[in-house]
């Protein structure tokens, strides 16, 4: 899938405080992921590792990270 941005990080999260804090795997992005909406709203929070995202309070996306514990 194409992105608007060119990210050096593999994982991106939604930094909007009014939405659920999901992290997405750009290497396994699915059409159901909301990455384009996050980009459009300029709410991208990049992470080098999924562990870094989890430590920041993010949960894995059910679509691009379905086998991760806690995927929502």
Protein backbone atom coordinates (compact mmCIF):
# COMPACT_ATOMS: atom_id res chain seq x y z
CA UNK A 1 0.00 0.00 0.00
CA UNK A 2 1.20 3.49 -0.69
CA UNK A 3 1.66 6.15 1.94
CA UNK A 4 1.80 9.88 1.69
CA UNK A 5 4.84 10.05 3.91
CA UNK A 6 8.18 8.34 3.60
CA UNK A 7 8.82 6.83 7.03
CA UNK A 8 12.10 5.53 8.36
CA UNK A 9 10.18 3.78 11.15
CA UNK A 10 8.35 0.51 10.54
CA UNK A 11 5.55 1.20 13.03
CA UNK A 12 3.24 4.21 13.23
CA UNK A 13 0.58 5.09 15.76
CA UNK A 14 -2.29 7.56 15.97
CA UNK A 15 -1.24 10.46 18.21
CA UNK A 16 -4.78 11.89 18.40
CA UNK A 17 -5.68 11.84 22.13
CA UNK A 18 -9.40 11.44 21.30
CA UNK A 19 -8.98 8.11 19.51
CA UNK A 20 -7.86 4.63 20.52
CA UNK A 21 -4.09 4.34 20.57
CA UNK A 22 -3.37 1.74 17.90
CA UNK A 23 0.00 1.04 16.36
CA UNK A 24 0.23 -0.16 12.74
CA UNK A 25 2.90 -2.25 11.02
CA UNK A 26 3.75 -0.57 7.71
CA UNK A 27 5.35 -3.80 6.45
CA UNK A 28 2.00 -5.61 6.83
CA UNK A 29 -0.51 -2.81 6.17
CA UNK A 30 -4.05 -3.82 5.19
CA UNK A 31 -6.80 -1.79 3.51
CA UNK A 32 -8.75 -1.84 6.79
CA UNK A 33 -5.97 -0.02 8.66
CA UNK A 34 -6.59 3.68 9.27
CA UNK A 35 -3.09 4.81 8.32
CA UNK A 36 -4.26 7.14 5.54
CA UNK A 37 -6.67 8.86 7.95
CA UNK A 38 -3.91 9.28 10.50
CA UNK A 39 -1.64 10.77 7.81
CA UNK A 40 -4.38 13.07 6.56
CA UNK A 41 -4.96 14.42 10.09
CA UNK A 42 -1.18 14.73 10.65
CA UNK A 43 -1.36 12.52 13.75
CA UNK A 44 1.52 10.16 12.92
CA UNK A 45 3.60 8.91 15.85
CA UNK A 46 6.54 6.88 14.41
CA UNK A 47 8.14 4.01 16.34
CA UNK A 48 11.23 1.97 15.44
CA UNK A 49 9.95 -1.12 17.28
CA UNK A 50 6.58 -2.42 18.35
CA UNK A 51 7.91 -2.71 21.91
CA UNK A 52 8.58 1.04 21.90
CA UNK A 53 4.96 1.63 20.84
CA UNK A 54 3.61 -0.74 23.50
CA UNK A 55 5.68 1.02 26.17
CA UNK A 56 4.07 4.30 25.05
CA UNK A 57 0.58 2.87 25.62
CA UNK A 58 -0.31 1.74 22.10
CA UNK A 59 -2.14 -1.51 21.27
CA UNK A 60 -1.55 -3.51 18.09
CA UNK A 61 -3.96 -3.03 15.19
CA UNK A 62 -6.25 -6.04 14.70
CA UNK A 63 -5.83 -5.87 10.91
CA UNK A 64 -2.08 -5.56 10.36
CA UNK A 65 -0.92 -7.17 13.63
CA UNK A 66 -3.67 -9.76 14.36
CA UNK A 67 -1.45 -12.32 16.09
CA UNK A 68 0.03 -9.89 18.61
CA UNK A 69 -1.29 -10.22 22.16
CA UNK A 70 -3.83 -7.51 22.90
CA UNK A 71 -4.65 -6.76 19.26
CA UNK A 72 -7.74 -4.61 19.21
